[in-house]
């Protein structure tokens, strides 16, 4: 080393660095730095007269994942005060000093004793010092330098969020974005291509594609149909080294499901159906079901059913079961096999939620014909009237005919009908009925004043099927006859003042009759002919008043043929 005479002699440190790139060969670079020098490669120096600091350090580099049998050489420390006589001692302190990094205190050579992982720690900060071995005094101030762990491609890309589950609507346009996947590489992104990732698709073509730079997955076909295929398993690969041969790779699975859109109209499996409904079906009851199939799902398969025409529109109705998507056929009016044996309905099923993007695939409805066969059922006898009202006079002879009920078998067999009256065990049986003709007769003498009205229940059954019964109510009104004499309302005890004037009314006598109004008042009052006549009193009719009650010596007599039955009642005056 050349030093001019005007310069002061200062210690000089030489740093020999061992550097190895990922795929290059190891090489050394020797840098001499002194207080009055600027750095030059390969030992060249330029002399300055102004003193400068004696320690200026560049980074050392050490390859990660070194697997050799010997410690890995890192670099060399050298002071220009070192004459090679062993008087200079080099000391290394800081991160990993003595455990990971060791230094030959005589030569200044630094070695790494362990395999390092850049992804765990990228660099180490250490301190170097050269001291006099004899005096242990520093030859120069302590200085700091860095050993950087050099990256190699030892980490494959990883998908941290996979596997993925994603959906995309069926019939989407080609190029529709499905999902963006991202892989990370733990290698150094600032050095080489170790962390430069390229995406490709290993499984899922030709249905899907992936952008090699962004990882965006897109549909690759037009009009992908969920009804043809619903689920896809797509495998995406991420490869570092920009996809070059020898790069490391990782993969993930993306499970893609096509979601439904309303692109399928409902369809009846058959164009003609036949349904049997017995004539005994109750009005309002469900008598049958019909269903159109829709390849879509969810709300896209919802539909409503309607009867669009047919001779049974007024007899049947249809509703929609939202759970099963079936049309429920119900009866609106009673069926009668003897009158009409079949009906025809045209039924339509139509989607309720239309997507106008797919209207060209419609119409989104379908129709079918349903023939309903009315089944003949052995029905109970049918009475000619829903109820009957009959009349009979009281005091009629036992066996008097009250009236006749009529029931017939409505079926084509027209079986004979038998009749009977429903009586409870404790009931008085005032009537009976002819089992064959339905004629009702009295069995006892009736008294209107005791019971003016009777309600009985008549039952009819078929001879061929006695279990089939029909019931009808018969009301019997008992008509009045004039079988009760009038009676004074009460016994009278009349007091007359001695100074009463002739012609003065001293009391009014009334009478009643248990018979009906038509057979009761008006009454004719007279004094008992069998008693002596008292000339002091007379009895006169009062046509403006009404009657009640009896007396021991005054009798009343009905008008009989003396006037109309409905004339106003009279009240007598005793004068």
Protein backbone atom coordinates (compact mmCIF):
# COMPACT_ATOMS: atom_id res chain seq x y z
CA UNK A 1 0.00 0.00 0.00
CA UNK A 2 1.32 3.40 -0.95
CA UNK A 3 1.10 6.29 1.49
CA UNK A 4 2.44 9.75 0.82
CA UNK A 5 4.88 11.44 3.16
CA UNK A 6 2.47 14.18 4.04
CA UNK A 7 -0.18 11.74 5.24
CA UNK A 8 -0.41 10.37 8.72
CA UNK A 9 -0.17 6.63 9.21
CA UNK A 10 -3.59 5.23 10.24
CA UNK A 11 -4.93 1.72 10.72
CA UNK A 12 -6.75 0.36 7.68
CA UNK A 13 -9.50 -2.33 7.71
CA UNK A 14 -9.95 -4.55 4.74
CA UNK A 15 -13.43 -6.20 4.36
CA UNK A 16 -13.47 -9.28 2.20
CA UNK A 17 -17.06 -10.30 1.47
CA UNK A 18 -18.21 -13.70 0.33
CA UNK A 19 -21.24 -13.34 -1.90
CA UNK A 20 -23.21 -16.05 -3.67
CA UNK A 21 -26.40 -15.48 -5.62
CA UNK A 22 -29.12 -18.04 -6.01
CA UNK A 23 -27.75 -19.68 -9.11
CA UNK A 24 -24.33 -18.00 -9.45
CA UNK A 25 -20.88 -19.08 -8.19
CA UNK A 26 -19.27 -17.81 -5.03
CA UNK A 27 -16.87 -14.86 -5.38
CA UNK A 28 -14.96 -12.47 -3.12
CA UNK A 29 -14.80 -8.71 -3.19
CA UNK A 30 -12.04 -6.94 -1.35
CA UNK A 31 -12.76 -3.43 -0.12
CA UNK A 32 -10.16 -1.36 1.71
CA UNK A 33 -11.48 1.53 3.74
CA UNK A 34 -9.32 3.91 5.74
CA UNK A 35 -9.87 7.28 7.33
CA UNK A 36 -8.24 9.12 4.47
CA UNK A 37 -9.36 6.93 1.56
CA UNK A 38 -12.49 6.46 -0.55
CA UNK A 39 -13.49 2.90 -1.41
CA UNK A 40 -12.48 1.25 -4.66
CA UNK A 41 -12.82 -2.26 -5.85
CA UNK A 42 -9.75 -4.56 -5.78
CA UNK A 43 -7.64 -2.53 -3.41
CA UNK A 44 -7.26 0.70 -5.38
CA UNK A 45 -6.94 3.74 -3.17
CA UNK A 46 -6.89 7.45 -3.65
CA UNK A 47 -4.93 9.41 -1.07
CA UNK A 48 -6.48 12.41 0.68
CA UNK A 49 -4.88 14.69 3.18
CA UNK A 50 -7.96 15.23 5.39
CA UNK A 51 -8.36 12.38 7.94
CA UNK A 52 -11.64 10.42 7.91
CA UNK A 53 -13.27 7.71 9.99
CA UNK A 54 -11.51 4.36 9.80
CA UNK A 55 -14.60 1.99 9.77
CA UNK A 56 -17.15 2.07 6.95
CA UNK A 57 -18.89 -1.24 6.22
CA UNK A 58 -20.97 -2.64 3.42
CA UNK A 59 -23.33 -5.57 3.89
CA UNK A 60 -22.13 -9.13 4.08
CA UNK A 61 -24.25 -11.81 2.42
CA UNK A 62 -24.84 -15.40 3.44
CA UNK A 63 -26.93 -17.92 1.54
CA UNK A 64 -29.95 -19.30 3.36
CA UNK A 65 -30.56 -23.02 3.73
CA UNK A 66 -26.85 -23.92 3.46
CA UNK A 67 -26.59 -27.67 3.88
CA UNK A 68 -22.83 -28.24 3.36
CA UNK A 69 -20.69 -30.20 5.84
CA UNK A 70 -18.47 -27.20 6.66
CA UNK A 71 -19.39 -23.81 8.04
CA UNK A 72 -20.31 -21.35 5.32
CA UNK A 73 -17.77 -18.64 4.67
CA UNK A 74 -19.27 -15.17 5.06
CA UNK A 75 -16.42 -12.70 4.69
CA UNK A 76 -13.22 -11.30 6.20
CA UNK A 77 -12.33 -8.40 8.48
CA UNK A 78 -8.87 -6.87 8.11
CA UNK A 79 -7.25 -3.83 9.61
CA UNK A 80 -4.29 -2.11 7.89
CA UNK A 81 -2.62 -2.06 11.25
CA UNK A 82 -2.50 -5.83 11.03
CA UNK A 83 1.09 -6.72 10.01
CA UNK A 84 0.37 -10.41 9.99
CA UNK A 85 2.24 -11.02 13.16
CA UNK A 86 -0.85 -11.92 15.17
CA UNK A 87 -0.77 -8.77 17.24
CA UNK A 88 -4.26 -7.72 16.11
CA UNK A 89 -7.26 -9.47 17.57
CA UNK A 90 -10.65 -9.26 15.88
CA UNK A 91 -13.79 -9.30 18.03
CA UNK A 92 -17.37 -9.90 16.79
CA UNK A 93 -20.48 -9.00 18.84
CA UNK A 94 -24.21 -8.54 18.15
CA UNK A 95 -27.02 -10.76 16.81
CA UNK A 96 -25.90 -14.35 16.43
CA UNK A 97 -22.27 -13.60 17.31
CA UNK A 98 -20.63 -16.67 18.78
CA UNK A 99 -23.64 -18.91 18.06
CA UNK A 100 -24.48 -18.44 14.42
CA UNK A 101 -21.49 -16.41 13.30
CA UNK A 102 -17.94 -17.09 14.44
CA UNK A 103 -14.78 -15.16 13.63
CA UNK A 104 -11.18 -16.20 13.55
CA UNK A 105 -9.79 -13.55 15.89
CA UNK A 106 -6.42 -13.70 14.16
CA UNK A 107 -7.36 -13.73 10.48
CA UNK A 108 -10.72 -11.96 10.74
CA UNK A 109 -12.51 -14.67 8.75
CA UNK A 110 -16.24 -14.90 9.50
CA UNK A 111 -18.19 -18.16 9.08
CA UNK A 112 -21.84 -19.16 9.55
CA UNK A 113 -22.20 -22.34 11.55
CA UNK A 114 -25.95 -22.88 11.07
CA UNK A 115 -28.37 -23.14 8.21
CA UNK A 116 -30.32 -19.89 8.10
CA UNK A 117 -33.86 -19.20 6.90
CA UNK A 118 -34.45 -15.80 5.33
CA UNK A 119 -38.19 -16.15 5.83
CA UNK A 120 -37.60 -16.28 9.59
CA UNK A 121 -34.95 -13.55 9.76
CA UNK A 122 -33.72 -11.48 6.86
CA UNK A 123 -30.58 -9.94 8.37
CA UNK A 124 -28.36 -9.75 11.42
CA UNK A 125 -26.81 -6.63 12.94
CA UNK A 126 -23.29 -7.15 14.35
CA UNK A 127 -20.40 -5.07 15.65
CA UNK A 128 -16.70 -5.49 14.78
CA UNK A 129 -13.62 -4.23 16.54
CA UNK A 130 -9.87 -4.67 16.14
CA UNK A 131 -7.82 -4.54 19.37
CA UNK A 132 -4.19 -4.88 20.26
CA UNK A 133 -3.72 -8.40 21.49
CA UNK A 134 -0.99 -7.36 23.91
CA UNK A 135 -2.66 -4.36 25.48
CA UNK A 136 -6.34 -5.21 24.76
CA UNK A 137 -6.78 -1.64 23.68
CA UNK A 138 -8.87 -0.80 20.62
CA UNK A 139 -6.91 -0.02 17.57
CA UNK A 140 -10.01 1.57 16.06
CA UNK A 141 -13.55 2.43 17.31
CA UNK A 142 -16.21 -0.26 17.24
CA UNK A 143 -18.33 -0.19 14.09
CA UNK A 144 -21.67 -1.77 13.05
CA UNK A 145 -22.29 -3.85 9.99
CA UNK A 146 -25.09 -6.12 8.62
CA UNK A 147 -25.05 -9.68 7.43
CA UNK A 148 -27.97 -10.14 5.07
CA UNK A 149 -29.43 -13.61 4.48
CA UNK A 150 -29.48 -14.16 0.77
CA UNK A 151 -32.75 -15.62 -0.56
CA UNK A 152 -33.05 -18.82 -2.53
CA UNK A 153 -36.26 -20.19 -4.02
CA UNK A 154 -37.17 -22.49 -1.16
CA UNK A 155 -40.85 -21.56 -0.67
CA UNK A 156 -43.69 -22.66 -2.90
CA UNK A 157 -46.68 -20.34 -3.39
CA UNK A 158 -49.55 -20.98 -0.98
CA UNK A 159 -53.28 -20.28 -1.15
CA UNK A 160 -54.14 -19.27 2.38
CA UNK A 161 -57.92 -19.20 1.94
CA UNK A 162 -58.63 -22.35 -0.03
CA UNK A 163 -60.45 -24.51 -0.78
CA UNK A 164 -63.02 -22.07 -2.10
CA UNK A 165 -66.78 -22.41 -2.49
CA UNK A 166 -68.38 -19.95 -4.87
CA UNK A 167 -71.45 -19.57 -7.06
CA UNK A 168 -72.18 -18.00 -10.41
CA UNK A 169 -75.56 -17.75 -12.17
CA UNK A 170 -76.19 -20.19 -14.95
CA UNK A 171 -76.50 -18.81 -18.47
CA UNK A 172 -73.95 -16.08 -17.62
CA UNK A 173 -72.07 -14.38 -20.43
CA UNK A 174 -68.67 -15.75 -21.31
CA UNK A 175 -65.99 -13.96 -19.31
CA UNK A 176 -68.16 -13.37 -16.26
CA UNK A 177 -65.95 -12.98 -13.20
CA UNK A 178 -66.38 -15.79 -10.70
CA UNK A 179 -63.65 -15.30 -8.08
CA UNK A 180 -60.15 -13.92 -7.63
CA UNK A 181 -57.70 -16.24 -5.91
CA UNK A 182 -54.41 -15.06 -4.46
CA UNK A 183 -51.33 -17.11 -3.61
CA UNK A 184 -48.50 -15.76 -1.48
CA UNK A 185 -44.79 -16.71 -1.73
CA UNK A 186 -42.60 -16.28 1.33
CA UNK A 187 -39.47 -15.75 -0.76
CA UNK A 188 -37.92 -12.32 -1.31
CA UNK A 189 -40.04 -10.39 -3.79
CA UNK A 190 -37.26 -7.85 -4.36
CA UNK A 191 -34.72 -10.35 -5.57
CA UNK A 192 -35.08 -12.42 -8.71
CA UNK A 193 -38.28 -14.30 -9.62
CA UNK A 194 -38.50 -16.44 -6.50
CA UNK A 195 -41.74 -14.75 -5.44
CA UNK A 196 -43.12 -13.89 -8.87
CA UNK A 197 -46.27 -16.01 -9.17
CA UNK A 198 -48.13 -17.03 -12.32
CA UNK A 199 -51.58 -18.67 -12.22
CA UNK A 200 -52.83 -21.48 -14.44
CA UNK A 201 -55.79 -23.85 -14.48
CA UNK A 202 -55.10 -27.55 -14.04
CA UNK A 203 -58.70 -28.78 -13.95
CA UNK A 204 -61.91 -27.12 -15.06
CA UNK A 205 -61.36 -26.43 -18.72
CA UNK A 206 -63.02 -25.65 -21.05
CA UNK A 207 -65.66 -24.28 -18.68
CA UNK A 208 -63.48 -21.78 -16.79
CA UNK A 209 -60.28 -19.82 -17.27
CA UNK A 210 -57.89 -17.95 -14.97
CA UNK A 211 -55.93 -14.75 -15.56
CA UNK A 212 -52.23 -15.71 -15.16
CA UNK A 213 -51.32 -12.43 -13.48
CA UNK A 214 -54.35 -11.52 -11.36
CA UNK A 215 -55.79 -14.94 -10.50
CA UNK A 216 -59.29 -13.91 -11.60
CA UNK A 217 -61.39 -16.94 -12.57
CA UNK A 218 -63.93 -16.37 -15.33
CA UNK A 219 -66.50 -18.39 -17.23
CA UNK A 220 -65.10 -19.64 -20.53
CA UNK A 221 -68.30 -20.84 -22.23
CA UNK A 222 -71.59 -19.25 -23.21
CA UNK A 223 -74.89 -20.35 -21.64
CA UNK A 224 -73.66 -22.85 -19.07
CA UNK A 225 -76.82 -24.71 -18.06
CA UNK A 226 -77.37 -25.68 -14.42
CA UNK A 227 -79.94 -28.28 -15.44
CA UNK A 228 -77.25 -30.02 -17.53
CA UNK A 229 -74.50 -29.74 -14.90
CA UNK A 230 -74.60 -27.89 -11.61
CA UNK A 231 -71.26 -28.43 -9.85
CA UNK A 232 -67.69 -27.93 -11.06
CA UNK A 233 -64.39 -28.58 -9.29
CA UNK A 234 -61.70 -26.25 -10.64
CA UNK A 235 -58.04 -26.68 -9.67
CA UNK A 236 -55.87 -23.55 -9.87
CA UNK A 237 -52.07 -23.68 -9.76
CA UNK A 238 -49.76 -20.87 -8.67
CA UNK A 239 -46.13 -21.25 -9.80
CA UNK A 240 -43.20 -19.01 -8.88
CA UNK A 241 -40.13 -18.14 -10.97
CA UNK A 242 -42.69 -16.53 -13.31
CA UNK A 243 -43.85 -19.97 -14.31
CA UNK A 244 -40.48 -21.11 -15.60
CA UNK A 245 -39.29 -24.67 -15.48
CA UNK A 246 -37.96 -25.47 -12.04
CA UNK A 247 -40.25 -23.07 -10.24
CA UNK A 248 -42.14 -24.23 -7.17
CA UNK A 249 -45.92 -24.46 -7.27
CA UNK A 250 -48.98 -24.76 -5.07
CA UNK A 251 -52.58 -25.44 -5.95
CA UNK A 252 -56.07 -24.96 -4.57
CA UNK A 253 -59.54 -26.21 -5.41
CA UNK A 254 -62.40 -23.91 -6.27
CA UNK A 255 -65.82 -25.56 -6.03
CA UNK A 256 -68.16 -23.65 -8.31
CA UNK A 257 -71.92 -24.10 -8.28
CA UNK A 258 -74.18 -22.71 -10.96
CA UNK A 259 -77.14 -20.98 -9.34
CA UNK A 260 -80.54 -21.19 -10.94
CA UNK A 261 -82.28 -18.65 -13.14
CA UNK A 262 -85.77 -19.00 -14.59
CA UNK A 263 -84.82 -20.37 -17.98
CA UNK A 264 -87.17 -23.38 -18.03
CA UNK A 265 -90.96 -23.16 -18.42
CA UNK A 266 -93.26 -25.57 -16.55
CA UNK A 267 -94.33 -28.67 -18.42
CA UNK A 268 -97.12 -31.17 -17.72
CA UNK A 269 -95.80 -34.72 -18.21
CA UNK A 270 -99.01 -35.64 -20.07
CA UNK A 271 -101.40 -33.76 -22.30
CA UNK A 272 -104.41 -35.71 -21.06
CA UNK A 273 -105.33 -36.85 -17.56
CA UNK A 274 -108.30 -38.68 -16.12
CA UNK A 275 -109.62 -38.40 -12.56
CA UNK A 276 -112.31 -40.44 -10.79
CA UNK A 277 -114.46 -38.54 -8.29
CA UNK A 278 -117.35 -40.25 -6.46
CA UNK A 279 -120.62 -38.40 -6.50
CA UNK A 280 -120.63 -38.53 -2.69
CA UNK A 281 -117.65 -36.14 -2.49
CA UNK A 282 -118.35 -33.27 -0.14
CA UNK A 283 -118.50 -29.69 -1.42
CA UNK A 284 -115.29 -27.88 -0.50
CA UNK A 285 -113.23 -31.05 -0.24
CA UNK A 286 -110.09 -31.74 -2.29
CA UNK A 287 -110.81 -34.39 -4.91
CA UNK A 288 -107.51 -34.60 -6.79
CA UNK A 289 -104.05 -33.21 -7.53
CA UNK A 290 -102.16 -32.35 -10.68
CA UNK A 291 -98.57 -31.17 -11.14
CA UNK A 292 -96.46 -29.59 -13.85
CA UNK A 293 -92.70 -30.14 -13.70
CA UNK A 294 -90.21 -27.26 -13.73
CA UNK A 295 -86.50 -27.99 -14.08
CA UNK A 296 -85.66 -24.79 -12.20
CA UNK A 297 -85.44 -24.53 -8.42
CA UNK A 298 -86.52 -22.18 -5.68
CA UNK A 299 -88.72 -19.26 -6.60
CA UNK A 300 -87.88 -19.81 -10.27
CA UNK A 301 -90.01 -22.96 -10.16
CA UNK A 302 -92.98 -21.35 -8.41
CA UNK A 303 -96.19 -21.51 -10.41
CA UNK A 304 -99.92 -21.04 -10.15
CA UNK A 305 -102.66 -23.23 -11.59
CA UNK A 306 -105.93 -22.10 -13.13
CA UNK A 307 -108.87 -23.57 -15.01
CA UNK A 308 -108.98 -21.78 -18.35
CA UNK A 309 -112.07 -23.48 -19.81
CA UNK A 310 -114.20 -26.61 -19.79
CA UNK A 311 -117.72 -27.63 -18.82
CA UNK A 312 -116.66 -28.18 -15.21
CA UNK A 313 -115.49 -24.63 -14.48
CA UNK A 314 -118.53 -23.93 -12.31
CA UNK A 315 -118.35 -27.26 -10.50
CA UNK A 316 -114.63 -27.47 -9.69
CA UNK A 317 -111.95 -25.01 -8.57
CA UNK A 318 -108.16 -25.31 -8.41
CA UNK A 319 -105.65 -23.83 -5.98
CA UNK A 320 -101.86 -24.04 -5.69
CA UNK A 321 -99.96 -25.77 -2.90
CA UNK A 322 -96.89 -23.54 -2.50
CA UNK A 323 -94.88 -26.25 -0.74
CA UNK A 324 -95.37 -29.08 -3.22
CA UNK A 325 -96.15 -26.87 -6.25
CA UNK A 326 -99.19 -29.04 -6.99
CA UNK A 327 -102.58 -27.97 -8.23
CA UNK A 328 -105.28 -28.98 -5.72
CA UNK A 329 -108.66 -29.65 -7.34
CA UNK A 330 -111.66 -28.97 -5.10
CA UNK A 331 -115.40 -29.45 -5.46
CA UNK A 332 -117.55 -26.31 -5.63
CA UNK A 333 -120.97 -27.91 -6.22
CA UNK A 334 -122.49 -31.35 -5.46
CA UNK A 335 -122.06 -34.11 -8.03
CA UNK A 336 -124.90 -36.28 -9.26
CA UNK A 337 -124.00 -39.32 -11.28
CA UNK A 338 -127.57 -39.74 -12.46
CA UNK A 339 -127.56 -36.23 -13.98
CA UNK A 340 -124.00 -35.86 -15.32
CA UNK A 341 -121.41 -38.58 -15.49
CA UNK A 342 -118.27 -36.67 -16.57
CA UNK A 343 -116.67 -33.22 -16.85
CA UNK A 344 -113.77 -31.79 -18.84
CA UNK A 345 -111.34 -29.14 -17.56
CA UNK A 346 -108.46 -27.39 -19.32
CA UNK A 347 -105.85 -26.58 -16.66
CA UNK A 348 -102.91 -24.19 -17.03
CA UNK A 349 -99.73 -23.97 -14.95
CA UNK A 350 -97.73 -20.73 -15.26
CA UNK A 351 -94.53 -19.44 -13.61
CA UNK A 352 -95.05 -16.57 -11.22
CA UNK A 353 -91.52 -15.08 -11.29
CA UNK A 354 -90.44 -14.34 -14.85
CA UNK A 355 -86.95 -13.28 -15.97
CA UNK A 356 -87.38 -11.24 -19.11
CA UNK A 357 -83.79 -11.94 -20.17
CA UNK A 358 -84.96 -15.42 -21.07
CA UNK A 359 -88.39 -14.60 -22.44
CA UNK A 360 -87.29 -16.00 -25.81
CA UNK A 361 -87.24 -19.45 -24.19
CA UNK A 362 -90.95 -19.23 -23.27
CA UNK A 363 -93.84 -19.10 -23.03
CA UNK A 364 -93.40 -19.92 -19.35
CA UNK A 365 -96.69 -21.79 -19.01
CA UNK A 366 -98.27 -25.04 -20.15
CA UNK A 367 -101.78 -26.50 -20.37
CA UNK A 368 -103.31 -29.95 -20.13
CA UNK A 369 -106.77 -31.52 -20.35
CA UNK A 370 -108.33 -33.24 -17.36
CA UNK A 371 -111.36 -35.49 -17.74
CA UNK A 372 -113.27 -36.10 -14.52
CA UNK A 373 -115.31 -39.28 -14.25
CA UNK A 374 -118.16 -39.06 -11.74
CA UNK A 375 -118.47 -42.32 -9.83
CA UNK A 376 -121.85 -43.80 -8.99
CA UNK A 377 -122.27 -44.22 -5.23
CA UNK A 378 -125.06 -46.02 -3.43
CA UNK A 379 -126.70 -42.99 -1.83
CA UNK A 380 -129.27 -42.92 0.97
CA UNK A 381 -132.93 -42.26 0.11
CA UNK A 382 -133.82 -38.70 -0.77
CA UNK A 383 -137.00 -37.15 0.71
CA UNK A 384 -139.21 -35.14 -1.60
CA UNK A 385 -139.05 -32.17 0.79
CA UNK A 386 -136.40 -30.95 3.25
CA UNK A 387 -139.11 -30.88 5.95
CA UNK A 388 -142.84 -31.47 6.27
CA UNK A 389 -145.70 -29.67 8.06
CA UNK A 390 -149.00 -31.56 8.59
CA UNK A 391 -152.30 -30.82 10.36
CA UNK A 392 -154.82 -32.97 12.21
CA UNK A 393 -157.90 -32.09 14.29
CA UNK A 394 -157.90 -32.77 17.96
CA UNK A 395 -160.25 -35.49 19.16
CA UNK A 396 -159.72 -37.26 15.82
CA UNK A 397 -160.24 -40.98 15.95
CA UNK A 398 -157.25 -43.24 16.51
CA UNK A 399 -155.86 -44.24 13.12
CA UNK A 400 -156.72 -40.92 11.46
CA UNK A 401 -154.33 -40.22 8.57
CA UNK A 402 -152.18 -37.14 9.29
CA UNK A 403 -150.15 -37.09 6.07
CA UNK A 404 -147.58 -38.94 3.96
CA UNK A 405 -143.84 -38.49 3.50
CA UNK A 406 -142.07 -39.67 0.35
CA UNK A 407 -138.46 -40.74 -0.13
CA UNK A 408 -136.85 -42.39 -3.15
CA UNK A 409 -133.56 -44.09 -3.92
CA UNK A 410 -131.67 -41.52 -6.08
CA UNK A 411 -129.53 -44.25 -7.62
CA UNK A 412 -130.32 -46.00 -10.85
CA UNK A 413 -131.15 -49.18 -8.91
CA UNK A 414 -134.19 -47.39 -7.40
CA UNK A 415 -134.39 -49.68 -4.38
CA UNK A 416 -137.54 -49.87 -2.26
CA UNK A 417 -137.63 -47.59 0.76
CA UNK A 418 -138.87 -48.31 4.26
CA UNK A 419 -139.91 -45.69 6.85
CA UNK A 420 -139.94 -45.50 10.63
CA UNK A 421 -140.29 -42.82 13.29
CA UNK A 422 -137.43 -42.14 15.69
CA UNK A 423 -138.78 -42.31 19.23
CA UNK A 424 -136.98 -42.18 22.52
CA UNK A 425 -137.89 -44.85 25.01
CA UNK A 426 -139.67 -42.38 27.30
CA UNK A 427 -141.63 -40.66 24.53
CA UNK A 428 -145.44 -41.04 24.31
CA UNK A 429 -146.09 -42.41 20.89
CA UNK A 430 -148.98 -40.43 19.44
CA UNK A 431 -148.22 -41.39 15.83
CA UNK A 432 -147.03 -44.29 13.73
CA UNK A 433 -145.98 -44.60 10.12
CA UNK A 434 -146.62 -47.20 7.49
CA UNK A 435 -143.18 -48.70 6.75
CA UNK A 436 -143.96 -49.14 3.07
CA UNK A 437 -146.07 -46.10 2.15
CA UNK A 438 -144.79 -43.42 4.58
CA UNK A 439 -148.36 -42.62 5.73
CA UNK A 440 -148.49 -41.16 9.25
CA UNK A 441 -151.51 -41.93 11.47
CA UNK A 442 -152.59 -41.09 15.00
CA UNK A 443 -152.26 -43.72 17.72
CA UNK A 444 -153.96 -41.69 20.48
CA UNK A 445 -156.65 -39.07 20.78
CA UNK A 446 -155.05 -35.63 20.62
CA UNK A 447 -155.97 -32.67 22.80
CA UNK A 448 -154.95 -29.31 21.36
CA UNK A 449 -155.35 -27.64 24.73
CA UNK A 450 -152.63 -29.95 26.12
CA UNK A 451 -150.22 -30.14 23.15
CA UNK A 452 -150.88 -27.92 20.14
CA UNK A 453 -147.78 -29.02 18.16
CA UNK A 454 -145.72 -32.19 17.67
CA UNK A 455 -142.25 -32.57 16.10
CA UNK A 456 -141.24 -36.04 14.98
CA UNK A 457 -138.31 -37.38 12.96
CA UNK A 458 -138.96 -39.83 10.15
CA UNK A 459 -136.13 -42.05 8.91
CA UNK A 460 -135.99 -43.73 5.51
CA UNK A 461 -133.72 -46.63 4.59
CA UNK A 462 -133.20 -48.74 1.50
CA UNK A 463 -134.24 -52.35 1.55
CA UNK A 464 -131.03 -53.35 -0.24
CA UNK A 465 -128.76 -51.39 2.08
CA UNK A 466 -130.37 -50.67 5.46
CA UNK A 467 -127.27 -48.82 6.65
CA UNK A 468 -127.97 -45.96 4.26
CA UNK A 469 -130.34 -43.70 6.16
CA UNK A 470 -131.97 -40.35 5.57
CA UNK A 471 -133.84 -38.25 8.11
CA UNK A 472 -136.51 -35.60 7.81
CA UNK A 473 -138.37 -33.48 10.35
CA UNK A 474 -142.18 -33.60 10.37
CA UNK A 475 -144.10 -30.89 12.25
CA UNK A 476 -147.72 -31.75 13.12
CA UNK A 477 -150.09 -28.95 14.08
CA UNK A 478 -153.16 -29.99 16.13
CA UNK A 479 -156.24 -28.08 14.92
CA UNK A 480 -158.87 -26.87 17.37
CA UNK A 481 -162.45 -28.07 17.66
CA UNK A 482 -165.09 -26.50 19.95
CA UNK A 483 -164.83 -29.06 22.71
CA UNK A 484 -164.56 -26.75 25.74
CA UNK A 485 -167.53 -24.70 27.25
CA UNK A 486 -166.92 -21.13 28.38
CA UNK A 487 -166.23 -20.58 32.06
CA UNK A 488 -166.69 -17.54 34.29
CA UNK A 489 -163.37 -16.02 35.08
CA UNK A 490 -163.94 -16.40 38.85
CA UNK A 491 -166.60 -16.62 41.50
CA UNK A 492 -168.26 -13.27 42.08
CA UNK A 493 -169.41 -11.90 45.48
CA UNK A 494 -171.20 -8.64 44.68
CA UNK A 495 -172.13 -6.01 47.27
CA UNK A 496 -174.93 -3.54 46.36
CA UNK A 497 -175.54 -0.31 48.16
CA UNK A 498 -179.13 0.11 49.33
CA UNK A 499 -179.43 3.52 47.78
CA UNK A 500 -178.30 2.33 44.29
CA UNK A 501 -180.38 3.86 41.55
CA UNK A 502 -182.34 1.74 39.04
CA UNK A 503 -180.36 0.98 35.90
CA UNK A 504 -177.02 1.61 37.63
CA UNK A 505 -174.23 -0.86 36.68
CA UNK A 506 -173.13 -2.61 39.81
CA UNK A 507 -170.63 -5.14 38.34
CA UNK A 508 -169.21 -6.65 35.15
CA UNK A 509 -168.97 -10.41 34.71
CA UNK A 510 -166.31 -12.03 32.36
CA UNK A 511 -165.90 -15.51 30.86
CA UNK A 512 -163.06 -17.54 29.14
CA UNK A 513 -162.86 -20.50 26.74
CA UNK A 514 -159.93 -22.98 26.42
CA UNK A 515 -160.58 -23.43 22.74
CA UNK A 516 -158.95 -21.44 20.01
CA UNK A 517 -160.16 -17.92 19.37
CA UNK A 518 -162.32 -19.05 16.52
CA UNK A 519 -164.20 -21.46 18.79
CA UNK A 520 -164.31 -19.20 21.86
CA UNK A 521 -165.79 -15.66 22.16
CA UNK A 522 -168.13 -14.17 21.39
CA UNK A 523 -170.28 -15.33 24.39
CA UNK A 524 -174.01 -14.98 25.23
CA UNK A 525 -174.74 -14.34 28.95
CA UNK A 526 -178.07 -15.18 30.69
CA UNK A 527 -179.41 -15.94 34.16
CA UNK A 528 -179.95 -19.53 35.17
CA UNK A 529 -183.49 -20.41 34.19
CA UNK A 530 -183.78 -22.95 36.97
CA UNK A 531 -183.38 -20.37 39.72
CA UNK A 532 -186.09 -17.93 40.88
CA UNK A 533 -186.02 -14.61 39.04
CA UNK A 534 -185.06 -11.63 41.19
CA UNK A 535 -186.84 -8.59 39.76
CA UNK A 536 -184.32 -6.25 41.38
CA UNK A 537 -181.46 -7.24 38.98
CA UNK A 538 -181.03 -7.66 35.24
CA UNK A 539 -178.10 -9.04 33.12
CA UNK A 540 -177.16 -7.35 29.85
CA UNK A 541 -174.38 -7.98 27.23
CA UNK A 542 -171.68 -5.31 26.88
CA UNK A 543 -170.30 -5.64 23.32
CA UNK A 544 -167.43 -3.22 24.00
CA UNK A 545 -165.58 -5.30 26.63
CA UNK A 546 -163.98 -8.72 27.03
CA UNK A 547 -164.58 -11.60 29.48
CA UNK A 548 -163.38 -14.01 32.30
CA UNK A 549 -164.78 -16.10 35.36
CA UNK A 550 -167.67 -18.19 36.86
CA UNK A 551 -170.55 -17.47 39.30
CA UNK A 552 -172.81 -19.79 41.29
CA UNK A 553 -175.98 -18.29 39.91
CA UNK A 554 -175.01 -16.57 36.67
CA UNK A 555 -174.36 -18.67 33.59
CA UNK A 556 -172.98 -17.77 30.21
CA UNK A 557 -173.90 -19.38 26.91
CA UNK A 558 -171.89 -19.38 23.57
CA UNK A 559 -173.42 -17.54 20.65
CA UNK A 560 -173.31 -20.66 18.49
CA UNK A 561 -175.26 -19.89 15.34
CA UNK A 562 -176.22 -16.44 16.57
CA UNK A 563 -173.30 -14.73 14.86
CA UNK A 564 -169.90 -15.10 13.11
CA UNK A 565 -167.18 -17.04 14.97
CA UNK A 566 -164.72 -14.13 14.95
CA UNK A 567 -167.06 -11.42 16.33
CA UNK A 568 -165.78 -9.26 19.20
CA UNK A 569 -166.25 -10.82 22.66
CA UNK A 570 -168.90 -9.36 25.00
CA UNK A 571 -168.85 -8.58 28.71
CA UNK A 572 -172.21 -8.62 30.62
CA UNK A 573 -173.24 -5.88 32.96
CA UNK A 574 -175.28 -6.66 36.05
CA UNK A 575 -177.76 -3.81 36.78
